[in-house]
């Protein structure tokens, strides 16, 4: 399916696209949206950009799709980075390249899984920056993949008014590259996470390399 022309968007959608011209502006837009926790009775969702605008909320994959649609209008290819985890709680974010360096735009329930500044030489380096903050009670990244959503062909993942479950299936079936980390390191990080959470009652943000993160949503503090 070709890139939609602006006339395809609703007036509200056009205003958003016109206002958000850079990855950082899109990150701030997503930060301001409540996270879509998919509560009952509605059940799980996978909304397009149109659905995100209509409902005013997004989970990680919905946010990645919204970022891809907005920034595609400004010349960025619709690329997403997919993570696989041992606990099957995977994560997806929009990725882009500028000045030969890679960055990302993302929304998450975890403070360390949002965007990254475009400072990484390779997608693998960008993916590695998520290994430590992915650790919680159960999570651990095992693999990653950069996928071009244009491979979905004529499927309308951009502006559909229904759930776009084919995107999820596409990413689940897409070949991922392994990311290896030592058991000792992961055990140490998990023990620190548990101790921090027990003491402070919140998820930590004090990670090595945090200077490479973009802004976090206000719910996680400054």
C-alpha atoms as a PDB file:
ATOM      1  CA  UNK A   1       0.000   0.000   0.000  1.00  0.00           C
ATOM      2  CA  UNK A   2       1.462   3.408  -0.927  1.00  0.00           C
ATOM      3  CA  UNK A   3       2.159   6.070   1.661  1.00  0.00           C
ATOM      4  CA  UNK A   4      -1.153   7.857   2.368  1.00  0.00           C
ATOM      5  CA  UNK A   5      -1.528  11.384   1.091  1.00  0.00           C
ATOM      6  CA  UNK A   6      -2.505  14.059   3.590  1.00  0.00           C
ATOM      7  CA  UNK A   7      -6.001  14.131   2.127  1.00  0.00           C
ATOM      8  CA  UNK A   8      -6.455  10.579   3.439  1.00  0.00           C
ATOM      9  CA  UNK A   9      -6.146  11.769   7.042  1.00  0.00           C
ATOM     10  CA  UNK A  10      -8.907  13.384   9.057  1.00  0.00           C
ATOM     11  CA  UNK A  11      -8.476  17.071   9.945  1.00  0.00           C
ATOM     12  CA  UNK A  12      -7.441  16.116  13.494  1.00  0.00           C
ATOM     13  CA  UNK A  13      -4.912  13.595  12.203  1.00  0.00           C
ATOM     14  CA  UNK A  14      -3.508  16.129   9.736  1.00  0.00           C
ATOM     15  CA  UNK A  15      -2.967  18.629  12.525  1.00  0.00           C
ATOM     16  CA  UNK A  16      -1.030  16.059  14.524  1.00  0.00           C
ATOM     17  CA  UNK A  17       1.099  15.066  11.537  1.00  0.00           C
ATOM     18  CA  UNK A  18       1.819  18.704  10.694  1.00  0.00           C
ATOM     19  CA  UNK A  19       2.777  19.549  14.279  1.00  0.00           C
ATOM     20  CA  UNK A  20       5.015  16.539  14.946  1.00  0.00           C
ATOM     21  CA  UNK A  21       7.862  16.737  12.465  1.00  0.00           C
ATOM     22  CA  UNK A  22      10.729  15.132  14.397  1.00  0.00           C
ATOM     23  CA  UNK A  23      11.209  11.928  16.411  1.00  0.00           C
ATOM     24  CA  UNK A  24      11.607  13.927  19.623  1.00  0.00           C
ATOM     25  CA  UNK A  25       8.326  15.742  19.036  1.00  0.00           C
ATOM     26  CA  UNK A  26       6.595  12.404  18.439  1.00  0.00           C
ATOM     27  CA  UNK A  27       8.167  11.009  21.620  1.00  0.00           C
ATOM     28  CA  UNK A  28       6.775  13.903  23.626  1.00  0.00           C
ATOM     29  CA  UNK A  29       3.347  13.369  22.062  1.00  0.00           C
ATOM     30  CA  UNK A  30       3.387   9.690  23.029  1.00  0.00           C
ATOM     31  CA  UNK A  31       4.691  10.479  26.513  1.00  0.00           C
ATOM     32  CA  UNK A  32       1.593  12.566  27.116  1.00  0.00           C
ATOM     33  CA  UNK A  33      -0.787   9.736  26.196  1.00  0.00           C
ATOM     34  CA  UNK A  34      -2.065   7.420  28.930  1.00  0.00           C
ATOM     35  CA  UNK A  35      -0.703   3.918  28.510  1.00  0.00           C
ATOM     36  CA  UNK A  36      -3.252   1.517  27.057  1.00  0.00           C
ATOM     37  CA  UNK A  37      -3.476  -1.247  29.646  1.00  0.00           C
ATOM     38  CA  UNK A  38      -6.228  -2.957  27.610  1.00  0.00           C
ATOM     39  CA  UNK A  39      -8.585  -3.376  30.603  1.00  0.00           C
ATOM     40  CA  UNK A  40     -11.781  -5.414  30.437  1.00  0.00           C
ATOM     41  CA  UNK A  41     -14.461  -5.423  29.194  1.00  0.00           C
ATOM     42  CA  UNK A  42     -12.925  -4.323  25.898  1.00  0.00           C
ATOM     43  CA  UNK A  43     -10.126  -6.882  25.891  1.00  0.00           C
ATOM     44  CA  UNK A  44      -6.853  -6.701  23.939  1.00  0.00           C
ATOM     45  CA  UNK A  45      -6.398  -4.105  21.222  1.00  0.00           C
ATOM     46  CA  UNK A  46      -3.968  -3.347  18.441  1.00  0.00           C
ATOM     47  CA  UNK A  47      -5.018   0.009  17.059  1.00  0.00           C
ATOM     48  CA  UNK A  48      -3.636   1.868  14.075  1.00  0.00           C
ATOM     49  CA  UNK A  49      -2.594   5.514  14.204  1.00  0.00           C
ATOM     50  CA  UNK A  50      -6.229   6.379  13.546  1.00  0.00           C
ATOM     51  CA  UNK A  51      -7.304   4.322  16.552  1.00  0.00           C
ATOM     52  CA  UNK A  52      -4.666   5.898  18.772  1.00  0.00           C
ATOM     53  CA  UNK A  53      -5.829   9.389  17.832  1.00  0.00           C
ATOM     54  CA  UNK A  54      -9.470   8.440  18.359  1.00  0.00           C
ATOM     55  CA  UNK A  55      -8.949   6.875  21.809  1.00  0.00           C
ATOM     56  CA  UNK A  56      -6.096   9.048  23.041  1.00  0.00           C
ATOM     57  CA  UNK A  57      -4.056   6.170  24.448  1.00  0.00           C
ATOM     58  CA  UNK A  58      -1.537   3.593  23.248  1.00  0.00           C
ATOM     59  CA  UNK A  59       0.447   0.557  24.329  1.00  0.00           C
ATOM     60  CA  UNK A  60       3.939  -0.134  22.986  1.00  0.00           C
ATOM     61  CA  UNK A  61       3.053  -1.543  19.569  1.00  0.00           C
ATOM     62  CA  UNK A  62       0.262   0.966  19.023  1.00  0.00           C
ATOM     63  CA  UNK A  63       2.715   3.753  19.845  1.00  0.00           C
ATOM     64  CA  UNK A  64       5.288   2.325  17.421  1.00  0.00           C
ATOM     65  CA  UNK A  65       2.670   2.232  14.661  1.00  0.00           C
ATOM     66  CA  UNK A  66       1.578   5.797  15.416  1.00  0.00           C
ATOM     67  CA  UNK A  67       5.183   7.013  15.312  1.00  0.00           C
ATOM     68  CA  UNK A  68       5.758   5.172  12.025  1.00  0.00           C
ATOM     69  CA  UNK A  69       2.707   6.766  10.390  1.00  0.00           C
ATOM     70  CA  UNK A  70       3.498  10.289  11.584  1.00  0.00           C
ATOM     71  CA  UNK A  71       7.188  10.234  10.728  1.00  0.00           C
ATOM     72  CA  UNK A  72       6.662   8.464   7.400  1.00  0.00           C
ATOM     73  CA  UNK A  73       4.917  11.667   6.338  1.00  0.00           C
ATOM     74  CA  UNK A  74       8.196  13.484   7.045  1.00  0.00           C
ATOM     75  CA  UNK A  75      10.430  11.122   5.104  1.00  0.00           C
ATOM     76  CA  UNK A  76      11.317   8.456   7.669  1.00  0.00           C
ATOM     77  CA  UNK A  77      10.869   4.819   6.603  1.00  0.00           C
ATOM     78  CA  UNK A  78       8.386   2.855   8.779  1.00  0.00           C
ATOM     79  CA  UNK A  79      10.868   0.672  10.665  1.00  0.00           C
ATOM     80  CA  UNK A  80      10.210  -0.996  14.011  1.00  0.00           C
ATOM     81  CA  UNK A  81      12.487  -2.788  16.431  1.00  0.00           C
ATOM     82  CA  UNK A  82      10.961  -5.911  17.967  1.00  0.00           C
ATOM     83  CA  UNK A  83      12.298  -7.574  21.119  1.00  0.00           C
ATOM     84  CA  UNK A  84      11.701 -11.110  22.328  1.00  0.00           C
ATOM     85  CA  UNK A  85      11.869 -11.876  26.060  1.00  0.00           C
ATOM     86  CA  UNK A  86      12.018 -15.078  28.094  1.00  0.00           C
ATOM     87  CA  UNK A  87       8.688 -14.199  29.727  1.00  0.00           C
ATOM     88  CA  UNK A  88       6.954 -13.641  26.357  1.00  0.00           C
ATOM     89  CA  UNK A  89       6.321  -9.978  27.262  1.00  0.00           C
ATOM     90  CA  UNK A  90       7.807  -8.587  24.076  1.00  0.00           C
ATOM     91  CA  UNK A  91       8.362  -4.921  23.255  1.00  0.00           C
ATOM     92  CA  UNK A  92       8.200  -2.961  19.992  1.00  0.00           C
ATOM     93  CA  UNK A  93       9.429   0.544  19.184  1.00  0.00           C
ATOM     94  CA  UNK A  94       9.861   2.772  16.165  1.00  0.00           C
ATOM     95  CA  UNK A  95      13.457   3.210  14.992  1.00  0.00           C
ATOM     96  CA  UNK A  96      15.052   5.722  12.669  1.00  0.00           C
ATOM     97  CA  UNK A  97      18.416   6.772  11.339  1.00  0.00           C
ATOM     98  CA  UNK A  98      19.713  10.314  11.126  1.00  0.00           C
ATOM     99  CA  UNK A  99      23.258  11.486  10.462  1.00  0.00           C
ATOM    100  CA  UNK A 100      24.292   7.849  10.177  1.00  0.00           C
ATOM    101  CA  UNK A 101      23.163   7.107  13.740  1.00  0.00           C
ATOM    102  CA  UNK A 102      20.183   5.160  15.066  1.00  0.00           C
ATOM    103  CA  UNK A 103      17.590   6.286  17.590  1.00  0.00           C
ATOM    104  CA  UNK A 104      14.132   5.223  18.693  1.00  0.00           C
ATOM    105  CA  UNK A 105      10.669   6.376  19.752  1.00  0.00           C
ATOM    106  CA  UNK A 106       8.641   4.260  22.168  1.00  0.00           C
ATOM    107  CA  UNK A 107       5.963   4.050  24.862  1.00  0.00           C
ATOM    108  CA  UNK A 108       6.069   1.587  27.734  1.00  0.00           C
ATOM    109  CA  UNK A 109       4.954   0.830  31.275  1.00  0.00           C
ATOM    110  CA  UNK A 110       8.649   0.730  32.172  1.00  0.00           C
ATOM    111  CA  UNK A 111      10.710   3.922  32.442  1.00  0.00           C
ATOM    112  CA  UNK A 112      13.771   2.492  30.718  1.00  0.00           C
ATOM    113  CA  UNK A 113      12.002   1.220  27.606  1.00  0.00           C
ATOM    114  CA  UNK A 114      11.131   4.534  25.997  1.00  0.00           C
ATOM    115  CA  UNK A 115      13.055   6.366  23.290  1.00  0.00           C
ATOM    116  CA  UNK A 116      16.760   6.672  22.669  1.00  0.00           C
ATOM    117  CA  UNK A 117      18.705   9.567  21.197  1.00  0.00           C
ATOM    118  CA  UNK A 118      20.169   8.978  17.708  1.00  0.00           C
ATOM    119  CA  UNK A 119      23.678   8.146  18.922  1.00  0.00           C
ATOM    120  CA  UNK A 120      23.996   4.428  18.102  1.00  0.00           C
ATOM    121  CA  UNK A 121      26.164   3.220  15.219  1.00  0.00           C
ATOM    122  CA  UNK A 122      24.138   0.043  14.540  1.00  0.00           C
ATOM    123  CA  UNK A 123      20.678  -1.303  15.340  1.00  0.00           C
ATOM    124  CA  UNK A 124      22.359  -3.960  17.513  1.00  0.00           C
ATOM    125  CA  UNK A 125      23.974  -1.227  19.616  1.00  0.00           C
ATOM    126  CA  UNK A 126      20.587   0.437  20.002  1.00  0.00           C
ATOM    127  CA  UNK A 127      19.020  -2.877  20.976  1.00  0.00           C
ATOM    128  CA  UNK A 128      21.760  -3.527  23.533  1.00  0.00           C
ATOM    129  CA  UNK A 129      20.854  -0.284  25.308  1.00  0.00           C
ATOM    130  CA  UNK A 130      17.572  -1.904  26.344  1.00  0.00           C
ATOM    131  CA  UNK A 131      19.040  -5.056  27.907  1.00  0.00           C
ATOM    132  CA  UNK A 132      19.591  -3.706  31.428  1.00  0.00           C
ATOM    133  CA  UNK A 133      16.307  -1.760  31.848  1.00  0.00           C
ATOM    134  CA  UNK A 134      14.360  -4.728  30.436  1.00  0.00           C
ATOM    135  CA  UNK A 135      15.194  -6.703  33.568  1.00  0.00           C
ATOM    136  CA  UNK A 136      12.390  -6.824  36.122  1.00  0.00           C
ATOM    137  CA  UNK A 137      10.915  -9.756  38.028  1.00  0.00           C
ATOM    138  CA  UNK A 138      10.679 -11.922  34.898  1.00  0.00           C
ATOM    139  CA  UNK A 139      11.970 -10.134  31.779  1.00  0.00           C
ATOM    140  CA  UNK A 140      15.162 -10.725  29.828  1.00  0.00           C
ATOM    141  CA  UNK A 141      15.777  -9.867  26.181  1.00  0.00           C
ATOM    142  CA  UNK A 142      16.746 -12.875  24.084  1.00  0.00           C
ATOM    143  CA  UNK A 143      16.538 -11.509  20.529  1.00  0.00           C
ATOM    144  CA  UNK A 144      15.774  -8.468  18.396  1.00  0.00           C
ATOM    145  CA  UNK A 145      14.760  -7.653  14.834  1.00  0.00           C
ATOM    146  CA  UNK A 146      14.395  -4.517  12.732  1.00  0.00           C
ATOM    147  CA  UNK A 147      11.380  -4.916  10.449  1.00  0.00           C
ATOM    148  CA  UNK A 148      10.087  -2.706   7.655  1.00  0.00           C
ATOM    149  CA  UNK A 149       6.300  -2.401   7.909  1.00  0.00           C
ATOM    150  CA  UNK A 150       6.105  -1.851   4.154  1.00  0.00           C
ATOM    151  CA  UNK A 151       6.617  -5.612   3.849  1.00  0.00           C
ATOM    152  CA  UNK A 152       2.966  -5.929   4.894  1.00  0.00           C
ATOM    153  CA  UNK A 153       2.069  -4.869   1.354  1.00  0.00           C
ATOM    154  CA  UNK A 154      -1.549  -3.830   0.859  1.00  0.00           C
ATOM    155  CA  UNK A 155      -2.511  -4.456   4.491  1.00  0.00           C
ATOM    156  CA  UNK A 156      -3.787  -1.228   6.067  1.00  0.00           C
ATOM    157  CA  UNK A 157      -1.794  -0.973   9.295  1.00  0.00           C
ATOM    158  CA  UNK A 158      -1.749   2.816   9.141  1.00  0.00           C
ATOM    159  CA  UNK A 159      -5.354   4.029   9.205  1.00  0.00           C
ATOM    160  CA  UNK A 160      -7.557   0.966   9.763  1.00  0.00           C
ATOM    161  CA  UNK A 161     -10.542   1.483  12.058  1.00  0.00           C
ATOM    162  CA  UNK A 162     -10.311  -2.118  13.298  1.00  0.00           C
ATOM    163  CA  UNK A 163      -7.568  -3.930  15.188  1.00  0.00           C
ATOM    164  CA  UNK A 164      -4.514  -4.665  13.025  1.00  0.00           C
ATOM    165  CA  UNK A 165      -3.577  -8.081  14.417  1.00  0.00           C
ATOM    166  CA  UNK A 166      -1.683  -8.982  11.242  1.00  0.00           C
ATOM    167  CA  UNK A 167       1.095  -6.647  12.393  1.00  0.00           C
ATOM    168  CA  UNK A 168       1.550  -8.662  15.577  1.00  0.00           C
ATOM    169  CA  UNK A 169       1.614 -11.941  13.635  1.00  0.00           C
ATOM    170  CA  UNK A 170       4.103 -10.448  11.161  1.00  0.00           C
ATOM    171  CA  UNK A 171       6.481  -9.505  13.974  1.00  0.00           C
ATOM    172  CA  UNK A 172       6.086 -12.793  15.821  1.00  0.00           C
ATOM    173  CA  UNK A 173       7.037 -14.674  12.656  1.00  0.00           C
ATOM    174  CA  UNK A 174       9.823 -12.289  11.610  1.00  0.00           C
ATOM    175  CA  UNK A 175      13.373 -13.715  12.023  1.00  0.00           C
ATOM    176  CA  UNK A 176      15.036 -12.293  15.123  1.00  0.00           C
ATOM    177  CA  UNK A 177      18.747 -12.113  15.889  1.00  0.00           C
ATOM    178  CA  UNK A 178      19.932 -13.408  19.279  1.00  0.00           C
ATOM    179  CA  UNK A 179      21.169 -11.060  21.986  1.00  0.00           C
ATOM    180  CA  UNK A 180      23.369 -12.856  24.478  1.00  0.00           C
ATOM    181  CA  UNK A 181      23.971 -11.733  28.048  1.00  0.00           C
ATOM    182  CA  UNK A 182      25.693 -13.504  30.905  1.00  0.00           C
ATOM    183  CA  UNK A 183      23.581 -15.241  33.528  1.00  0.00           C
ATOM    184  CA  UNK A 184      25.711 -13.660  36.255  1.00  0.00           C
ATOM    185  CA  UNK A 185      25.020 -10.164  34.976  1.00  0.00           C
ATOM    186  CA  UNK A 186      21.290 -10.805  34.626  1.00  0.00           C
ATOM    187  CA  UNK A 187      21.043 -12.376  38.091  1.00  0.00           C
ATOM    188  CA  UNK A 188      22.818  -9.350  39.577  1.00  0.00           C
ATOM    189  CA  UNK A 189      20.512  -6.917  37.780  1.00  0.00           C
ATOM    190  CA  UNK A 190      17.405  -8.834  38.792  1.00  0.00           C
ATOM    191  CA  UNK A 191      18.468  -8.901  42.438  1.00  0.00           C
ATOM    192  CA  UNK A 192      19.115  -5.141  42.306  1.00  0.00           C
ATOM    193  CA  UNK A 193      15.740  -4.540  40.653  1.00  0.00           C
ATOM    194  CA  UNK A 194      13.899  -6.522  43.325  1.00  0.00           C
ATOM    195  CA  UNK A 195      15.715  -4.775  46.160  1.00  0.00           C
ATOM    196  CA  UNK A 196      15.131  -1.339  44.633  1.00  0.00           C
ATOM    197  CA  UNK A 197      11.447  -2.013  44.016  1.00  0.00           C
ATOM    198  CA  UNK A 198      10.991  -3.285  47.567  1.00  0.00           C
ATOM    199  CA  UNK A 199      12.687  -0.232  49.071  1.00  0.00           C
ATOM    200  CA  UNK A 200      11.239   2.520  46.883  1.00  0.00           C
ATOM    201  CA  UNK A 201       7.959   1.027  45.688  1.00  0.00           C
ATOM    202  CA  UNK A 202       8.662   1.946  42.073  1.00  0.00           C
ATOM    203  CA  UNK A 203      10.695   0.866  39.090  1.00  0.00           C
ATOM    204  CA  UNK A 204      14.290   2.158  38.933  1.00  0.00           C
ATOM    205  CA  UNK A 205      15.558   4.699  36.436  1.00  0.00           C
ATOM    206  CA  UNK A 206      19.192   4.832  37.568  1.00  0.00           C
ATOM    207  CA  UNK A 207      20.745   2.855  34.732  1.00  0.00           C
ATOM    208  CA  UNK A 208      24.104   3.103  33.053  1.00  0.00           C
ATOM    209  CA  UNK A 209      23.747   4.927  29.741  1.00  0.00           C
ATOM    210  CA  UNK A 210      20.680   6.910  30.792  1.00  0.00           C
ATOM    211  CA  UNK A 211      22.181  10.010  29.158  1.00  0.00           C
ATOM    212  CA  UNK A 212      21.324   8.339  25.829  1.00  0.00           C
ATOM    213  CA  UNK A 213      17.628   8.109  26.682  1.00  0.00           C
ATOM    214  CA  UNK A 214      15.091  10.633  25.471  1.00  0.00           C
ATOM    215  CA  UNK A 215      12.579  12.189  27.857  1.00  0.00           C
ATOM    216  CA  UNK A 216      10.402   9.852  29.912  1.00  0.00           C
ATOM    217  CA  UNK A 217       6.687  10.370  30.558  1.00  0.00           C
ATOM    218  CA  UNK A 218       5.905  12.515  33.581  1.00  0.00           C
ATOM    219  CA  UNK A 219       4.515   9.524  35.481  1.00  0.00           C
ATOM    220  CA  UNK A 220       8.098   8.336  36.037  1.00  0.00           C
ATOM    221  CA  UNK A 221       9.354  11.614  37.462  1.00  0.00           C
ATOM    222  CA  UNK A 222      12.255  13.719  36.284  1.00  0.00           C
END
